[in-house]
C-alpha atoms as a PDB file:
ATOM      1  CA  MET A   1     106.186  88.416 101.792  1.00  0.00           C
ATOM      2  CA  PRO A   2     103.272  87.439  99.614  1.00  0.00           C
ATOM      3  CA  VAL A   3     103.241  84.127  97.683  1.00  0.00           C
ATOM      4  CA  PRO A   4     105.267  84.758  94.377  1.00  0.00           C
ATOM      5  CA  ASP A   5     103.448  84.347  90.988  1.00  0.00           C
ATOM      6  CA  PHE A   6     104.241  80.802  89.684  1.00  0.00           C
ATOM      7  CA  GLN A   7     106.507  82.202  86.964  1.00  0.00           C
ATOM      8  CA  THR A   8     109.142  83.212  89.756  1.00  0.00           C
ATOM      9  CA  MET A   9     109.073  79.953  91.430  1.00  0.00           C
ATOM     10  CA  MET A  10     109.842  77.710  88.509  1.00  0.00           C
ATOM     11  CA  LEU A  11     113.674  78.234  88.628  1.00  0.00           C
ATOM     12  CA  PRO A  12     113.977  77.281  92.354  1.00  0.00           C
ATOM     13  CA  PHE A  13     111.291  74.543  91.905  1.00  0.00           C
ATOM     14  CA  LEU A  14     113.146  72.874  88.846  1.00  0.00           C
ATOM     15  CA  ARG A  15     116.455  72.980  90.766  1.00  0.00           C
ATOM     16  CA  PHE A  16     114.669  71.249  93.744  1.00  0.00           C
ATOM     17  CA  ALA A  17     113.472  68.768  91.238  1.00  0.00           C
ATOM     18  CA  GLN A  18     117.078  68.165  90.234  1.00  0.00           C
ATOM     19  CA  ASP A  19     118.371  67.449  93.451  1.00  0.00           C
ATOM     20  CA  HIS A  20     115.609  64.805  94.330  1.00  0.00           C
ATOM     21  CA  SER A  21     114.848  61.546  92.321  1.00  0.00           C
ATOM     22  CA  GLU A  22     110.998  62.040  92.657  1.00  0.00           C
ATOM     23  CA  ILE A  23     108.907  65.040  93.688  1.00  0.00           C
ATOM     24  CA  SER A  24     105.243  65.609  94.719  1.00  0.00           C
ATOM     25  CA  THR A  25     103.339  68.782  96.011  1.00  0.00           C
ATOM     26  CA  ARG A  26     103.935  67.469  99.595  1.00  0.00           C
ATOM     27  CA  ASP A  27     107.538  68.008  98.861  1.00  0.00           C
ATOM     28  CA  VAL A  28     107.691  71.308  97.111  1.00  0.00           C
ATOM     29  CA  VAL A  29     105.077  73.414  98.836  1.00  0.00           C
ATOM     30  CA  PRO A  30     107.570  73.454 102.100  1.00  0.00           C
ATOM     31  CA  PHE A  31     110.575  73.931 100.251  1.00  0.00           C
ATOM     32  CA  LEU A  32     109.078  76.867  98.379  1.00  0.00           C
ATOM     33  CA  ALA A  33     107.828  78.314 101.436  1.00  0.00           C
ATOM     34  CA  ASN A  34     111.064  78.016 103.255  1.00  0.00           C
ATOM     35  CA  TYR A  35     112.732  79.508 100.139  1.00  0.00           C
ATOM     36  CA  TYR A  36     110.739  82.387 100.006  1.00  0.00           C
ATOM     37  CA  ASN A  37     110.776  82.508 103.782  1.00  0.00           C
ATOM     38  CA  LEU A  38     106.888  82.914 103.656  1.00  0.00           C
ATOM     39  CA  SER A  39     105.093  83.386 106.906  1.00  0.00           C
ATOM     40  CA  GLU A  40     102.453  81.086 108.240  1.00  0.00           C
ATOM     41  CA  ASP A  41      99.757  83.401 107.055  1.00  0.00           C
ATOM     42  CA  ASP A  42     101.094  83.377 103.507  1.00  0.00           C
ATOM     43  CA  ILE A  43     101.262  79.858 103.588  1.00  0.00           C
ATOM     44  CA  ALA A  44      97.760  79.408 104.665  1.00  0.00           C
ATOM     45  CA  GLU A  45      96.215  81.979 102.423  1.00  0.00           C
ATOM     46  CA  GLN A  46      93.632  80.675 100.106  1.00  0.00           C
ATOM     47  CA  ILE A  47      92.629  81.155  96.690  1.00  0.00           C
ATOM     48  CA  PRO A  48      89.183  82.877  96.367  1.00  0.00           C
ATOM     49  CA  SER A  49      87.328  79.562  95.842  1.00  0.00           C
ATOM     50  CA  GLY A  50      88.621  78.520  99.313  1.00  0.00           C
ATOM     51  CA  TYR A  51      89.317  75.033  98.064  1.00  0.00           C
ATOM     52  CA  GLN A  52      93.366  75.292  97.891  1.00  0.00           C
ATOM     53  CA  THR A  53      95.940  77.545  99.171  1.00  0.00           C
ATOM     54  CA  LYS A  54      97.437  79.983  96.882  1.00  0.00           C
ATOM     55  CA  LEU A  55     100.959  78.264  97.379  1.00  0.00           C
ATOM     56  CA  SER A  56      99.750  74.944  96.498  1.00  0.00           C
ATOM     57  CA  ASN A  57      97.708  76.254  93.675  1.00  0.00           C
ATOM     58  CA  ARG A  58     100.671  77.980  91.988  1.00  0.00           C
ATOM     59  CA  VAL A  59     102.669  74.957  92.790  1.00  0.00           C
ATOM     60  CA  SER A  60     100.244  72.858  90.641  1.00  0.00           C
ATOM     61  CA  TRP A  61     100.400  75.463  87.848  1.00  0.00           C
ATOM     62  CA  ILE A  62     104.348  75.039  87.836  1.00  0.00           C
ATOM     63  CA  PHE A  63     103.962  71.169  87.541  1.00  0.00           C
ATOM     64  CA  ALA A  64     101.315  71.691  84.555  1.00  0.00           C
ATOM     65  CA  HIS A  65     103.421  74.253  82.635  1.00  0.00           C
ATOM     66  CA  LEU A  66     106.852  72.327  83.244  1.00  0.00           C
ATOM     67  CA  GLN A  67     105.403  69.046  82.304  1.00  0.00           C
ATOM     68  CA  LYS A  68     103.908  70.469  79.052  1.00  0.00           C
ATOM     69  CA  ALA A  69     107.621  71.856  78.037  1.00  0.00           C
ATOM     70  CA  GLY A  70     108.984  68.438  78.971  1.00  0.00           C
ATOM     71  CA  LEU A  71     110.957  69.673  81.946  1.00  0.00           C
ATOM     72  CA  ILE A  72     109.622  67.125  84.290  1.00  0.00           C
ATOM     73  CA  GLU A  73     107.711  64.220  83.596  1.00  0.00           C
ATOM     74  CA  LYS A  74     105.244  62.236  85.656  1.00  0.00           C
ATOM     75  CA  THR A  75     106.451  59.116  87.252  1.00  0.00           C
ATOM     76  CA  ARG A  76     102.969  58.024  89.021  1.00  0.00           C
ATOM     77  CA  ARG A  77     100.139  59.761  90.310  1.00  0.00           C
ATOM     78  CA  GLY A  78     101.058  62.903  91.914  1.00  0.00           C
ATOM     79  CA  PHE A  79     104.706  62.561  91.482  1.00  0.00           C
ATOM     80  CA  TYR A  80     107.399  63.789  88.825  1.00  0.00           C
ATOM     81  CA  LYS A  81     110.967  64.061  88.043  1.00  0.00           C
ATOM     82  CA  ILE A  82     113.184  66.186  86.140  1.00  0.00           C
ATOM     83  CA  THR A  83     113.802  65.401  82.348  1.00  0.00           C
ATOM     84  CA  ASP A  84     117.104  65.503  80.344  1.00  0.00           C
ATOM     85  CA  ARG A  85     115.627  68.764  79.029  1.00  0.00           C
ATOM     86  CA  GLY A  86     115.112  70.120  82.305  1.00  0.00           C
ATOM     87  CA  LYS A  87     118.713  69.310  83.185  1.00  0.00           C
ATOM     88  CA  GLU A  88     119.906  70.991  79.941  1.00  0.00           C
ATOM     89  CA  ILE A  89     118.008  74.087  80.755  1.00  0.00           C
ATOM     90  CA  LEU A  90     119.380  74.452  84.293  1.00  0.00           C
ATOM     91  CA  ALA A  91     122.906  73.538  82.728  1.00  0.00           C
ATOM     92  CA  GLN A  92     122.402  77.025  80.893  1.00  0.00           C
ATOM     93  CA  ASN A  93     122.354  78.624  84.583  1.00  0.00           C
ATOM     94  CA  PRO A  94     119.110  80.971  83.756  1.00  0.00           C
ATOM     95  CA  GLU A  95     118.415  83.625  85.807  1.00  0.00           C
ATOM     96  CA  LYS A  96     114.589  82.988  85.589  1.00  0.00           C
ATOM     97  CA  ILE A  97     112.181  80.242  83.790  1.00  0.00           C
ATOM     98  CA  THR A  98     109.008  82.063  82.452  1.00  0.00           C
ATOM     99  CA  LEU A  99     106.570  81.123  80.196  1.00  0.00           C
ATOM    100  CA  LYS A 100     108.481  82.754  77.462  1.00  0.00           C
ATOM    101  CA  THR A 101     111.584  80.330  78.283  1.00  0.00           C
ATOM    102  CA  LEU A 102     109.251  77.378  77.791  1.00  0.00           C
ATOM    103  CA  LYS A 103     107.681  78.381  74.542  1.00  0.00           C
ATOM    104  CA  GLN A 104     110.972  77.589  72.711  1.00  0.00           C
ATOM    105  CA  PHE A 105     109.717  73.993  72.744  1.00  0.00           C
ATOM    106  CA  PRO A 106     107.396  73.108  70.094  1.00  0.00           C
ATOM    107  CA  GLU A 107     105.008  70.830  72.282  1.00  0.00           C
ATOM    108  CA  TYR A 108     104.721  73.737  74.788  1.00  0.00           C
ATOM    109  CA  SER A 109     103.993  76.489  72.200  1.00  0.00           C
ATOM    110  CA  ASP A 110     101.120  73.965  70.688  1.00  0.00           C
ATOM    111  CA  PHE A 111      99.761  73.524  74.358  1.00  0.00           C
ATOM    112  CA  TYR A 112     100.080  77.433  74.988  1.00  0.00           C
ATOM    113  CA  LYS A 113      98.213  78.134  71.840  1.00  0.00           C
END
């Protein structure tokens, strides 16, 4: 299976964050690789620049978008935790989280513009 797009991975990412007091890329990348049953080749696939793996790059996008929407917050450099807003979204038992989901929050909508 190829590495899913970042929107596809947002819901399992947020659920993972809910289960941990604090998360970082080092925590999330192996979780998502396992969650999506990615092969070693999938995990090692680089973005065109060659500076980062596709999976790590997409995790970075998830961190950025969820933080701008207020679903996670930075606790220290490179570490995040789920917010009350993030927990509220999960309590609604969504089928997925997409950019459209995030646009309901004014600060994300302002960021997206």
